Amino acid sequence: MLAKRAEDEAAQLHARTAPLLAAQHARSDARRILSAALARPGPAQLLDQLAAALPADSSVTRAERLADGALEIEVTTSDPDALRAALRRSPPLAGLRDVRQQEGEGRTLVLLRQGGA
């Protein structure tokens, strides 16, 4: 009988604390995500460096921060090899990886990605 009472009290205590623990875990996860976002430099600095390094015939078409924290940048160019060479010459842009390229209308769309989970 004592064991049953202790089990019932433990179950009631667990039922009362479960939502509090779930909220605490959610806050911890949010803090971790925000901390990682704040520690990572913003995309503006990287985009400025990229704009300075791009060949004359290239332009940034899109830049987006993905849910996993990765930064995706699409660049339109007529010479993807010249674009890659320009990226290699700039140490701050070394973290950009060429993920995909797509041909269209005499221009090439190159997808670059930096970081992420």
PDB file of N, CA and C in Angstrom:
ATOM      1  N   MET A   1       0.823  -1.173   0.000  1.00  0.00           N
ATOM      2  CA  MET A   1       0.000   0.000   0.000  1.00  0.00           C
ATOM      3  C   MET A   1       0.886   1.262   0.000  1.00  0.00           C
ATOM      4  N   LEU A   2       1.954   1.226   0.791  1.00  0.00           N
ATOM      5  CA  LEU A   2       2.873   2.363   0.811  1.00  0.00           C
ATOM      6  C   LEU A   2       3.564   2.534  -0.541  1.00  0.00           C
ATOM      7  N   ALA A   3       3.926   1.436  -1.151  1.00  0.00           N
ATOM      8  CA  ALA A   3       4.586   1.499  -2.452  1.00  0.00           C
ATOM      9  C   ALA A   3       3.637   2.072  -3.498  1.00  0.00           C
ATOM     10  N   LYS A   4       2.375   1.685  -3.454  1.00  0.00           N
ATOM     11  CA  LYS A   4       1.387   2.199  -4.399  1.00  0.00           C
ATOM     12  C   LYS A   4       1.208   3.707  -4.204  1.00  0.00           C
ATOM     13  N   ARG A   5       1.157   4.167  -2.958  1.00  0.00           N
ATOM     14  CA  ARG A   5       1.016   5.588  -2.668  1.00  0.00           C
ATOM     15  C   ARG A   5       2.236   6.360  -3.185  1.00  0.00           C
ATOM     16  N   ALA A   6       3.421   5.807  -2.976  1.00  0.00           N
ATOM     17  CA  ALA A   6       4.647   6.465  -3.453  1.00  0.00           C
ATOM     18  C   ALA A   6       4.652   6.532  -4.979  1.00  0.00           C
ATOM     19  N   GLU A   7       4.213   5.469  -5.647  1.00  0.00           N
ATOM     20  CA  GLU A   7       4.136   5.466  -7.104  1.00  0.00           C
ATOM     21  C   GLU A   7       3.132   6.504  -7.597  1.00  0.00           C
ATOM     22  N   ASP A   8       1.976   6.611  -6.926  1.00  0.00           N
ATOM     23  CA  ASP A   8       0.970   7.598  -7.312  1.00  0.00           C
ATOM     24  C   ASP A   8       1.493   9.023  -7.141  1.00  0.00           C
ATOM     25  N   GLU A   9       2.177   9.273  -6.010  1.00  0.00           N
ATOM     26  CA  GLU A   9       2.739  10.603  -5.766  1.00  0.00           C
ATOM     27  C   GLU A   9       3.816  10.936  -6.804  1.00  0.00           C
ATOM     28  N   ALA A  10       4.634   9.946  -7.172  1.00  0.00           N
ATOM     29  CA  ALA A  10       5.664  10.159  -8.179  1.00  0.00           C
ATOM     30  C   ALA A  10       5.021  10.454  -9.533  1.00  0.00           C
ATOM     31  N   ALA A  11       3.955   9.746  -9.874  1.00  0.00           N
ATOM     32  CA  ALA A  11       3.256   9.982 -11.139  1.00  0.00           C
ATOM     33  C   ALA A  11       2.643  11.382 -11.159  1.00  0.00           C
ATOM     34  N   GLN A  12       2.059  11.812 -10.052  1.00  0.00           N
ATOM     35  CA  GLN A  12       1.475  13.160  -9.981  1.00  0.00           C
ATOM     36  C   GLN A  12       2.572  14.222 -10.095  1.00  0.00           C
ATOM     37  N   LEU A  13       3.668  13.995  -9.414  1.00  0.00           N
ATOM     38  CA  LEU A  13       4.784  14.938  -9.481  1.00  0.00           C
ATOM     39  C   LEU A  13       5.331  15.013 -10.909  1.00  0.00           C
ATOM     40  N   HIS A  14       5.445  13.878 -11.545  1.00  0.00           N
ATOM     41  CA  HIS A  14       5.928  13.843 -12.929  1.00  0.00           C
ATOM     42  C   HIS A  14       4.953  14.581 -13.855  1.00  0.00           C
ATOM     43  N   ALA A  15       3.654  14.383 -13.662  1.00  0.00           N
ATOM     44  CA  ALA A  15       2.648  15.052 -14.490  1.00  0.00           C
ATOM     45  C   ALA A  15       2.714  16.570 -14.314  1.00  0.00           C
ATOM     46  N   ARG A  16       2.995  17.038 -13.093  1.00  0.00           N
ATOM     47  CA  ARG A  16       3.079  18.486 -12.844  1.00  0.00           C
ATOM     48  C   ARG A  16       4.370  19.077 -13.392  1.00  0.00           C
ATOM     49  N   THR A  17       5.468  18.324 -13.337  1.00  0.00           N
ATOM     50  CA  THR A  17       6.771  18.879 -13.750  1.00  0.00           C
ATOM     51  C   THR A  17       7.083  18.666 -15.234  1.00  0.00           C
ATOM     52  N   ALA A  18       6.409  17.731 -15.881  1.00  0.00           N
ATOM     53  CA  ALA A  18       6.703  17.453 -17.293  1.00  0.00           C
ATOM     54  C   ALA A  18       6.566  18.697 -18.175  1.00  0.00           C
ATOM     55  N   PRO A  19       5.482  19.477 -18.070  1.00  0.00           N
ATOM     56  CA  PRO A  19       5.402  20.685 -18.911  1.00  0.00           C
ATOM     57  C   PRO A  19       6.503  21.702 -18.588  1.00  0.00           C
ATOM     58  N   LEU A  20       6.867  21.813 -17.322  1.00  0.00           N
ATOM     59  CA  LEU A  20       7.940  22.729 -16.945  1.00  0.00           C
ATOM     60  C   LEU A  20       9.271  22.277 -17.534  1.00  0.00           C
ATOM     61  N   LEU A  21       9.552  20.994 -17.484  1.00  0.00           N
ATOM     62  CA  LEU A  21      10.792  20.471 -18.057  1.00  0.00           C
ATOM     63  C   LEU A  21      10.810  20.629 -19.575  1.00  0.00           C
ATOM     64  N   ALA A  22       9.667  20.410 -20.226  1.00  0.00           N
ATOM     65  CA  ALA A  22       9.601  20.579 -21.676  1.00  0.00           C
ATOM     66  C   ALA A  22       9.859  22.040 -22.051  1.00  0.00           C
ATOM     67  N   ALA A  23       9.279  22.968 -21.294  1.00  0.00           N
ATOM     68  CA  ALA A  23       9.503  24.391 -21.554  1.00  0.00           C
ATOM     69  C   ALA A  23      10.965  24.757 -21.326  1.00  0.00           C
ATOM     70  N   GLN A  24      11.566  24.200 -20.301  1.00  0.00           N
ATOM     71  CA  GLN A  24      12.982  24.475 -20.025  1.00  0.00           C
ATOM     72  C   GLN A  24      13.865  23.945 -21.153  1.00  0.00           C
ATOM     73  N   HIS A  25      13.556  22.765 -21.661  1.00  0.00           N
ATOM     74  CA  HIS A  25      14.323  22.210 -22.787  1.00  0.00           C
ATOM     75  C   HIS A  25      14.145  23.075 -24.036  1.00  0.00           C
ATOM     76  N   ALA A  26      12.924  23.553 -24.262  1.00  0.00           N
ATOM     77  CA  ALA A  26      12.681  24.413 -25.427  1.00  0.00           C
ATOM     78  C   ALA A  26      13.473  25.711 -25.307  1.00  0.00           C
ATOM     79  N   ARG A  27      13.508  26.293 -24.104  1.00  0.00           N
ATOM     80  CA  ARG A  27      14.294  27.521 -23.902  1.00  0.00           C
ATOM     81  C   ARG A  27      15.777  27.255 -24.100  1.00  0.00           C
ATOM     82  N   SER A  28      16.253  26.114 -23.626  1.00  0.00           N
ATOM     83  CA  SER A  28      17.668  25.769 -23.814  1.00  0.00           C
ATOM     84  C   SER A  28      17.994  25.612 -25.297  1.00  0.00           C
ATOM     85  N   ASP A  29      17.108  24.960 -26.042  1.00  0.00           N
ATOM     86  CA  ASP A  29      17.323  24.804 -27.482  1.00  0.00           C
ATOM     87  C   ASP A  29      17.331  26.163 -28.180  1.00  0.00           C
ATOM     88  N   ALA A  30      16.398  27.040 -27.796  1.00  0.00           N
ATOM     89  CA  ALA A  30      16.336  28.378 -28.399  1.00  0.00           C
ATOM     90  C   ALA A  30      17.603  29.167 -28.088  1.00  0.00           C
ATOM     91  N   ARG A  31      18.093  29.078 -26.853  1.00  0.00           N
ATOM     92  CA  ARG A  31      19.338  29.764 -26.481  1.00  0.00           C
ATOM     93  C   ARG A  31      20.519  29.253 -27.305  1.00  0.00           C
ATOM     94  N   ARG A  32      20.586  27.944 -27.487  1.00  0.00           N
ATOM     95  CA  ARG A  32      21.669  27.345 -28.263  1.00  0.00           C
ATOM     96  C   ARG A  32      21.635  27.838 -29.709  1.00  0.00           C
ATOM     97  N   ILE A  33      20.456  27.867 -30.306  1.00  0.00           N
ATOM     98  CA  ILE A  33      20.315  28.320 -31.692  1.00  0.00           C
ATOM     99  C   ILE A  33      20.674  29.797 -31.811  1.00  0.00           C
ATOM    100  N   LEU A  34      20.171  30.615 -30.891  1.00  0.00           N
ATOM    101  CA  LEU A  34      20.479  32.051 -30.924  1.00  0.00           C
ATOM    102  C   LEU A  34      21.955  32.308 -30.679  1.00  0.00           C
ATOM    103  N   SER A  35      22.546  31.558 -29.772  1.00  0.00           N
ATOM    104  CA  SER A  35      23.965  31.727 -29.481  1.00  0.00           C
ATOM    105  C   SER A  35      24.809  31.421 -30.715  1.00  0.00           C
ATOM    106  N   ALA A  36      24.465  30.355 -31.402  1.00  0.00           N
ATOM    107  CA  ALA A  36      25.201  29.999 -32.621  1.00  0.00           C
ATOM    108  C   ALA A  36      25.021  31.076 -33.692  1.00  0.00           C
ATOM    109  N   ALA A  37      23.797  31.619 -33.798  1.00  0.00           N
ATOM    110  CA  ALA A  37      23.543  32.659 -34.793  1.00  0.00           C
ATOM    111  C   ALA A  37      24.310  33.933 -34.467  1.00  0.00           C
ATOM    112  N   LEU A  38      24.406  34.276 -33.194  1.00  0.00           N
ATOM    113  CA  LEU A  38      25.118  35.493 -32.807  1.00  0.00           C
ATOM    114  C   LEU A  38      26.627  35.339 -32.947  1.00  0.00           C
ATOM    115  N   ALA A  39      27.125  34.139 -32.750  1.00  0.00           N
ATOM    116  CA  ALA A  39      28.568  33.906 -32.864  1.00  0.00           C
ATOM    117  C   ALA A  39      29.035  33.940 -34.314  1.00  0.00           C
ATOM    118  N   ARG A  40      28.135  33.629 -35.208  1.00  0.00           N
ATOM    119  CA  ARG A  40      28.462  33.588 -36.642  1.00  0.00           C
ATOM    120  C   ARG A  40      28.340  35.007 -37.213  1.00  0.00           C
ATOM    121  N   PRO A  41      29.324  35.457 -37.973  1.00  0.00           N
ATOM    122  CA  PRO A  41      29.207  36.791 -38.566  1.00  0.00           C
ATOM    123  C   PRO A  41      28.018  36.851 -39.520  1.00  0.00           C
ATOM    124  N   GLY A  42      27.441  38.017 -39.628  1.00  0.00           N
ATOM    125  CA  GLY A  42      26.290  38.198 -40.493  1.00  0.00           C
ATOM    126  C   GLY A  42      26.661  38.074 -41.958  1.00  0.00           C
ATOM    127  N   PRO A  43      25.672  37.872 -42.794  1.00  0.00           N
ATOM    128  CA  PRO A  43      25.946  37.679 -44.218  1.00  0.00           C
ATOM    129  C   PRO A  43      26.383  38.960 -44.926  1.00  0.00           C
ATOM    130  N   ALA A  44      26.093  40.120 -44.367  1.00  0.00           N
ATOM    131  CA  ALA A  44      26.417  41.379 -45.049  1.00  0.00           C
ATOM    132  C   ALA A  44      27.918  41.507 -45.308  1.00  0.00           C
ATOM    133  N   GLN A  45      28.721  41.178 -44.327  1.00  0.00           N
ATOM    134  CA  GLN A  45      30.176  41.282 -44.488  1.00  0.00           C
ATOM    135  C   GLN A  45      30.660  40.343 -45.595  1.00  0.00           C
ATOM    136  N   LEU A  46      30.174  39.115 -45.587  1.00  0.00           N
ATOM    137  CA  LEU A  46      30.569  38.149 -46.614  1.00  0.00           C
ATOM    138  C   LEU A  46      30.095  38.607 -47.999  1.00  0.00           C
ATOM    139  N   LEU A  47      28.877  39.127 -48.078  1.00  0.00           N
ATOM    140  CA  LEU A  47      28.370  39.589 -49.374  1.00  0.00           C
ATOM    141  C   LEU A  47      29.176  40.771 -49.894  1.00  0.00           C
ATOM    142  N   ASP A  48      29.607  41.667 -49.006  1.00  0.00           N
ATOM    143  CA  ASP A  48      30.471  42.776 -49.432  1.00  0.00           C
ATOM    144  C   ASP A  48      31.792  42.253 -49.989  1.00  0.00           C
ATOM    145  N   GLN A  49      32.378  41.274 -49.305  1.00  0.00           N
ATOM    146  CA  GLN A  49      33.637  40.694 -49.772  1.00  0.00           C
ATOM    147  C   GLN A  49      33.436  39.964 -51.095  1.00  0.00           C
ATOM    148  N   LEU A  50      32.310  39.277 -51.219  1.00  0.00           N
ATOM    149  CA  LEU A  50      32.009  38.565 -52.462  1.00  0.00           C
ATOM    150  C   LEU A  50      31.825  39.555 -53.610  1.00  0.00           C
ATOM    151  N   ALA A  51      31.087  40.624 -53.365  1.00  0.00           N
ATOM    152  CA  ALA A  51      30.868  41.629 -54.412  1.00  0.00           C
ATOM    153  C   ALA A  51      32.186  42.225 -54.908  1.00  0.00           C
ATOM    154  N   ALA A  52      33.117  42.433 -53.984  1.00  0.00           N
ATOM    155  CA  ALA A  52      34.417  42.990 -54.368  1.00  0.00           C
ATOM    156  C   ALA A  52      35.245  41.993 -55.174  1.00  0.00           C
ATOM    157  N   ALA A  53      35.049  40.699 -54.933  1.00  0.00           N
ATOM    158  CA  ALA A  53      35.871  39.678 -55.596  1.00  0.00           C
ATOM    159  C   ALA A  53      35.268  39.161 -56.901  1.00  0.00           C
ATOM    160  N   LEU A  54      33.987  39.403 -57.130  1.00  0.00           N
ATOM    161  CA  LEU A  54      33.332  38.856 -58.316  1.00  0.00           C
ATOM    162  C   LEU A  54      33.934  39.402 -59.607  1.00  0.00           C
ATOM    163  N   PRO A  55      34.055  38.560 -60.613  1.00  0.00           N
ATOM    164  CA  PRO A  55      34.448  39.058 -61.940  1.00  0.00           C
ATOM    165  C   PRO A  55      33.396  40.054 -62.443  1.00  0.00           C
ATOM    166  N   ALA A  56      33.793  40.906 -63.371  1.00  0.00           N
ATOM    167  CA  ALA A  56      32.920  41.985 -63.848  1.00  0.00           C
ATOM    168  C   ALA A  56      31.604  41.480 -64.434  1.00  0.00           C
ATOM    169  N   ASP A  57      31.600  40.303 -65.032  1.00  0.00           N
ATOM    170  CA  ASP A  57      30.384  39.801 -65.676  1.00  0.00           C
ATOM    171  C   ASP A  57      29.510  38.961 -64.744  1.00  0.00           C
ATOM    172  N   SER A  58      29.823  38.933 -63.458  1.00  0.00           N
ATOM    173  CA  SER A  58      29.084  38.118 -62.492  1.00  0.00           C
ATOM    174  C   SER A  58      28.275  39.010 -61.556  1.00  0.00           C
ATOM    175  N   SER A  59      27.164  38.462 -61.064  1.00  0.00           N
ATOM    176  CA  SER A  59      26.350  39.207 -60.104  1.00  0.00           C
ATOM    177  C   SER A  59      25.653  38.244 -59.155  1.00  0.00           C
ATOM    178  N   VAL A  60      25.409  38.702 -57.934  1.00  0.00           N
ATOM    179  CA  VAL A  60      24.692  37.902 -56.944  1.00  0.00           C
ATOM    180  C   VAL A  60      23.209  37.968 -57.286  1.00  0.00           C
ATOM    181  N   THR A  61      22.602  36.807 -57.444  1.00  0.00           N
ATOM    182  CA  THR A  61      21.188  36.720 -57.786  1.00  0.00           C
ATOM    183  C   THR A  61      20.328  36.534 -56.550  1.00  0.00           C
ATOM    184  N   ARG A  62      20.828  35.766 -55.582  1.00  0.00           N
ATOM    185  CA  ARG A  62      20.052  35.457 -54.378  1.00  0.00           C
ATOM    186  C   ARG A  62      21.008  35.109 -53.257  1.00  0.00           C
ATOM    187  N   ALA A  63      20.639  35.508 -52.041  1.00  0.00           N
ATOM    188  CA  ALA A  63      21.369  35.098 -50.841  1.00  0.00           C
ATOM    189  C   ALA A  63      20.332  34.751 -49.783  1.00  0.00           C
ATOM    190  N   GLU A  64      20.526  33.607 -49.134  1.00  0.00           N
ATOM    191  CA  GLU A  64      19.528  33.137 -48.182  1.00  0.00           C
ATOM    192  C   GLU A  64      20.198  32.362 -47.058  1.00  0.00           C
ATOM    193  N   ARG A  65      19.760  32.632 -45.812  1.00  0.00           N
ATOM    194  CA  ARG A  65      20.193  31.843 -44.661  1.00  0.00           C
ATOM    195  C   ARG A  65      19.194  30.712 -44.501  1.00  0.00           C
ATOM    196  N   LEU A  66      19.647  29.480 -44.553  1.00  0.00           N
ATOM    197  CA  LEU A  66      18.782  28.309 -44.452  1.00  0.00           C
ATOM    198  C   LEU A  66      18.496  27.975 -42.994  1.00  0.00           C
ATOM    199  N   ALA A  67      17.524  27.097 -42.786  1.00  0.00           N
ATOM    200  CA  ALA A  67      17.126  26.710 -41.429  1.00  0.00           C
ATOM    201  C   ALA A  67      18.279  26.078 -40.657  1.00  0.00           C
ATOM    202  N   ASP A  68      19.171  25.379 -41.354  1.00  0.00           N
ATOM    203  CA  ASP A  68      20.300  24.738 -40.662  1.00  0.00           C
ATOM    204  C   ASP A  68      21.459  25.703 -40.404  1.00  0.00           C
ATOM    205  N   GLY A  69      21.277  26.976 -40.772  1.00  0.00           N
ATOM    206  CA  GLY A  69      22.314  27.982 -40.524  1.00  0.00           C
ATOM    207  C   GLY A  69      23.231  28.230 -41.705  1.00  0.00           C
ATOM    208  N   ALA A  70      23.129  27.399 -42.724  1.00  0.00           N
ATOM    209  CA  ALA A  70      23.984  27.577 -43.907  1.00  0.00           C
ATOM    210  C   ALA A  70      23.557  28.823 -44.676  1.00  0.00           C
ATOM    211  N   LEU A  71      24.526  29.458 -45.294  1.00  0.00           N
ATOM    212  CA  LEU A  71      24.261  30.602 -46.158  1.00  0.00           C
ATOM    213  C   LEU A  71      24.377  30.137 -47.595  1.00  0.00           C
ATOM    214  N   GLU A  72      23.299  30.298 -48.372  1.00  0.00           N
ATOM    215  CA  GLU A  72      23.308  29.936 -49.785  1.00  0.00           C
ATOM    216  C   GLU A  72      23.325  31.208 -50.618  1.00  0.00           C
ATOM    217  N   ILE A  73      24.183  31.228 -51.618  1.00  0.00           N
ATOM    218  CA  ILE A  73      24.302  32.381 -52.499  1.00  0.00           C
ATOM    219  C   ILE A  73      24.287  31.882 -53.937  1.00  0.00           C
ATOM    220  N   GLU A  74      23.421  32.466 -54.747  1.00  0.00           N
ATOM    221  CA  GLU A  74      23.394  32.158 -56.171  1.00  0.00           C
ATOM    222  C   GLU A  74      24.065  33.301 -56.918  1.00  0.00           C
ATOM    223  N   VAL A  75      24.982  32.948 -57.785  1.00  0.00           N
ATOM    224  CA  VAL A  75      25.709  33.931 -58.586  1.00  0.00           C
ATOM    225  C   VAL A  75      25.483  33.612 -60.057  1.00  0.00           C
ATOM    226  N   THR A  76      25.126  34.635 -60.827  1.00  0.00           N
ATOM    227  CA  THR A  76      24.976  34.487 -62.272  1.00  0.00           C
ATOM    228  C   THR A  76      26.266  34.962 -62.921  1.00  0.00           C
ATOM    229  N   THR A  77      26.803  34.134 -63.813  1.00  0.00           N
ATOM    230  CA  THR A  77      28.071  34.457 -64.457  1.00  0.00           C
ATOM    231  C   THR A  77      28.113  33.873 -65.865  1.00  0.00           C
ATOM    232  N   SER A  78      28.975  34.419 -66.690  1.00  0.00           N
ATOM    233  CA  SER A  78      29.161  33.821 -68.018  1.00  0.00           C
ATOM    234  C   SER A  78      30.361  32.873 -68.017  1.00  0.00           C
ATOM    235  N   ASP A  79      31.209  32.947 -66.967  1.00  0.00           N
ATOM    236  CA  ASP A  79      32.394  32.099 -66.889  1.00  0.00           C
ATOM    237  C   ASP A  79      32.547  31.546 -65.466  1.00  0.00           C
ATOM    238  N   PRO A  80      31.986  30.361 -65.197  1.00  0.00           N
ATOM    239  CA  PRO A  80      32.070  29.784 -63.857  1.00  0.00           C
ATOM    240  C   PRO A  80      33.507  29.531 -63.393  1.00  0.00           C
ATOM    241  N   ASP A  81      34.396  29.225 -64.332  1.00  0.00           N
ATOM    242  CA  ASP A  81      35.794  28.987 -63.953  1.00  0.00           C
ATOM    243  C   ASP A  81      36.450  30.261 -63.442  1.00  0.00           C
ATOM    244  N   ALA A  82      36.150  31.397 -64.076  1.00  0.00           N
ATOM    245  CA  ALA A  82      36.682  32.680 -63.597  1.00  0.00           C
ATOM    246  C   ALA A  82      36.115  33.016 -62.225  1.00  0.00           C
ATOM    247  N   LEU A  83      34.852  32.678 -62.004  1.00  0.00           N
ATOM    248  CA  LEU A  83      34.242  32.897 -60.688  1.00  0.00           C
ATOM    249  C   LEU A  83      34.949  32.065 -59.628  1.00  0.00           C
ATOM    250  N   ARG A  84      35.150  30.796 -59.895  1.00  0.00           N
ATOM    251  CA  ARG A  84      35.826  29.928 -58.921  1.00  0.00           C
ATOM    252  C   ARG A  84      37.246  30.415 -58.639  1.00  0.00           C
ATOM    253  N   ALA A  85      37.951  30.860 -59.673  1.00  0.00           N
ATOM    254  CA  ALA A  85      39.315  31.376 -59.487  1.00  0.00           C
ATOM    255  C   ALA A  85      39.291  32.622 -58.606  1.00  0.00           C
ATOM    256  N   ALA A  86      38.312  33.487 -58.809  1.00  0.00           N
ATOM    257  CA  ALA A  86      38.199  34.700 -57.989  1.00  0.00           C
ATOM    258  C   ALA A  86      37.918  34.341 -56.533  1.00  0.00           C
ATOM    259  N   LEU A  87      37.094  33.325 -56.297  1.00  0.00           N
ATOM    260  CA  LEU A  87      36.795  32.896 -54.927  1.00  0.00           C
ATOM    261  C   LEU A  87      38.040  32.315 -54.256  1.00  0.00           C
ATOM    262  N   ARG A  88      38.830  31.560 -55.003  1.00  0.00           N
ATOM    263  CA  ARG A  88      40.053  30.963 -54.425  1.00  0.00           C
ATOM    264  C   ARG A  88      41.087  32.019 -54.071  1.00  0.00           C
ATOM    265  N   ARG A  89      41.109  33.126 -54.795  1.00  0.00           N
ATOM    266  CA  ARG A  89      42.091  34.186 -54.526  1.00  0.00           C
ATOM    267  C   ARG A  89      41.745  35.012 -53.281  1.00  0.00           C
ATOM    268  N   SER A  90      40.539  34.889 -52.779  1.00  0.00           N
ATOM    269  CA  SER A  90      40.107  35.687 -51.639  1.00  0.00           C
ATOM    270  C   SER A  90      39.960  34.802 -50.398  1.00  0.00           C
ATOM    271  N   PRO A  91      40.903  34.882 -49.431  1.00  0.00           N
ATOM    272  CA  PRO A  91      40.828  34.028 -48.238  1.00  0.00           C
ATOM    273  C   PRO A  91      39.510  34.123 -47.465  1.00  0.00           C
ATOM    274  N   PRO A  92      38.890  35.318 -47.324  1.00  0.00           N
ATOM    275  CA  PRO A  92      37.626  35.347 -46.588  1.00  0.00           C
ATOM    276  C   PRO A  92      36.503  34.549 -47.258  1.00  0.00           C
ATOM    277  N   LEU A  93      36.650  34.267 -48.539  1.00  0.00           N
ATOM    278  CA  LEU A  93      35.614  33.531 -49.265  1.00  0.00           C
ATOM    279  C   LEU A  93      35.926  32.043 -49.370  1.00  0.00           C
ATOM    280  N   ALA A  94      36.980  31.609 -48.708  1.00  0.00           N
ATOM    281  CA  ALA A  94      37.402  30.209 -48.799  1.00  0.00           C
ATOM    282  C   ALA A  94      36.343  29.246 -48.274  1.00  0.00           C
ATOM    283  N   GLY A  95      35.459  29.717 -47.397  1.00  0.00           N
ATOM    284  CA  GLY A  95      34.418  28.853 -46.845  1.00  0.00           C
ATOM    285  C   GLY A  95      33.257  28.607 -47.789  1.00  0.00           C
ATOM    286  N   LEU A  96      33.210  29.315 -48.899  1.00  0.00           N
ATOM    287  CA  LEU A  96      32.134  29.109 -49.872  1.00  0.00           C
ATOM    288  C   LEU A  96      32.436  27.891 -50.730  1.00  0.00           C
ATOM    289  N   ARG A  97      31.477  27.006 -50.814  1.00  0.00           N
ATOM    290  CA  ARG A  97      31.643  25.785 -51.609  1.00  0.00           C
ATOM    291  C   ARG A  97      30.696  25.820 -52.801  1.00  0.00           C
ATOM    292  N   ASP A  98      31.208  25.460 -53.948  1.00  0.00           N
ATOM    293  CA  ASP A  98      30.419  25.374 -55.171  1.00  0.00           C
ATOM    294  C   ASP A  98      29.560  24.116 -55.063  1.00  0.00           C
ATOM    295  N   VAL A  99      28.256  24.287 -54.971  1.00  0.00           N
ATOM    296  CA  VAL A  99      27.350  23.165 -54.765  1.00  0.00           C
ATOM    297  C   VAL A  99      26.742  22.673 -56.077  1.00  0.00           C
ATOM    298  N   ARG A 100      26.416  23.630 -56.948  1.00  0.00           N
ATOM    299  CA  ARG A 100      25.726  23.241 -58.174  1.00  0.00           C
ATOM    300  C   ARG A 100      25.836  24.374 -59.188  1.00  0.00           C
ATOM    301  N   GLN A 101      25.775  24.023 -60.439  1.00  0.00           N
ATOM    302  CA  GLN A 101      25.680  25.050 -61.471  1.00  0.00           C
ATOM    303  C   GLN A 101      24.645  24.616 -62.489  1.00  0.00           C
ATOM    304  N   GLN A 102      23.964  25.612 -63.061  1.00  0.00           N
ATOM    305  CA  GLN A 102      22.894  25.344 -64.000  1.00  0.00           C
ATOM    306  C   GLN A 102      23.033  26.317 -65.177  1.00  0.00           C
ATOM    307  N   GLU A 103      23.042  25.764 -66.374  1.00  0.00           N
ATOM    308  CA  GLU A 103      23.194  26.570 -67.578  1.00  0.00           C
ATOM    309  C   GLU A 103      21.837  27.100 -68.022  1.00  0.00           C
ATOM    310  N   GLY A 104      21.852  28.312 -68.608  1.00  0.00           N
ATOM    311  CA  GLY A 104      20.610  28.850 -69.144  1.00  0.00           C
ATOM    312  C   GLY A 104      20.819  30.194 -69.803  1.00  0.00           C
ATOM    313  N   GLU A 105      20.334  30.337 -71.039  1.00  0.00           N
ATOM    314  CA  GLU A 105      20.348  31.592 -71.779  1.00  0.00           C
ATOM    315  C   GLU A 105      21.725  32.245 -71.851  1.00  0.00           C
ATOM    316  N   GLY A 106      22.746  31.452 -72.103  1.00  0.00           N
ATOM    317  CA  GLY A 106      24.100  31.978 -72.251  1.00  0.00           C
ATOM    318  C   GLY A 106      24.770  32.366 -70.942  1.00  0.00           C
ATOM    319  N   ARG A 107      24.103  32.153 -69.837  1.00  0.00           N
ATOM    320  CA  ARG A 107      24.669  32.469 -68.521  1.00  0.00           C
ATOM    321  C   ARG A 107      24.622  31.205 -67.672  1.00  0.00           C
ATOM    322  N   THR A 108      25.425  31.188 -66.633  1.00  0.00           N
ATOM    323  CA  THR A 108      25.462  30.049 -65.721  1.00  0.00           C
ATOM    324  C   THR A 108      25.086  30.529 -64.335  1.00  0.00           C
ATOM    325  N   LEU A 109      24.187  29.809 -63.689  1.00  0.00           N
ATOM    326  CA  LEU A 109      23.799  30.078 -62.323  1.00  0.00           C
ATOM    327  C   LEU A 109      24.584  29.135 -61.422  1.00  0.00           C
ATOM    328  N   VAL A 110      25.445  29.695 -60.576  1.00  0.00           N
ATOM    329  CA  VAL A 110      26.285  28.903 -59.685  1.00  0.00           C
ATOM    330  C   VAL A 110      25.759  29.052 -58.272  1.00  0.00           C
ATOM    331  N   LEU A 111      25.505  27.929 -57.608  1.00  0.00           N
ATOM    332  CA  LEU A 111      25.024  27.939 -56.227  1.00  0.00           C
ATOM    333  C   LEU A 111      26.215  27.706 -55.303  1.00  0.00           C
ATOM    334  N   LEU A 112      26.435  28.648 -54.390  1.00  0.00           N
ATOM    335  CA  LEU A 112      27.507  28.557 -53.404  1.00  0.00           C
ATOM    336  C   LEU A 112      26.878  28.374 -52.030  1.00  0.00           C
ATOM    337  N   ARG A 113      27.548  27.645 -51.150  1.00  0.00           N
ATOM    338  CA  ARG A 113      27.021  27.432 -49.804  1.00  0.00           C
ATOM    339  C   ARG A 113      28.159  27.575 -48.801  1.00  0.00           C
ATOM    340  N   GLN A 114      27.828  28.171 -47.664  1.00  0.00           N
ATOM    341  CA  GLN A 114      28.798  28.315 -46.569  1.00  0.00           C
ATOM    342  C   GLN A 114      28.178  27.808 -45.287  1.00  0.00           C
ATOM    343  N   GLY A 115      28.895  26.927 -44.602  1.00  0.00           N
ATOM    344  CA  GLY A 115      28.516  26.489 -43.269  1.00  0.00           C
ATOM    345  C   GLY A 115      27.253  25.661 -43.230  1.00  0.00           C
ATOM    346  N   GLY A 116      26.654  25.650 -42.020  1.00  0.00           N
ATOM    347  CA  GLY A 116      25.440  24.882 -41.791  1.00  0.00           C
ATOM    348  C   GLY A 116      25.714  23.694 -40.915  1.00  0.00           C
ATOM    349  N   ALA A 117      24.648  23.010 -40.600  1.00  0.00           N
ATOM    350  CA  ALA A 117      24.778  21.868 -39.698  1.00  0.00           C
ATOM    351  C   ALA A 117      25.090  20.601 -40.433  1.00  0.00           C
TER     352      ALA A 117
END
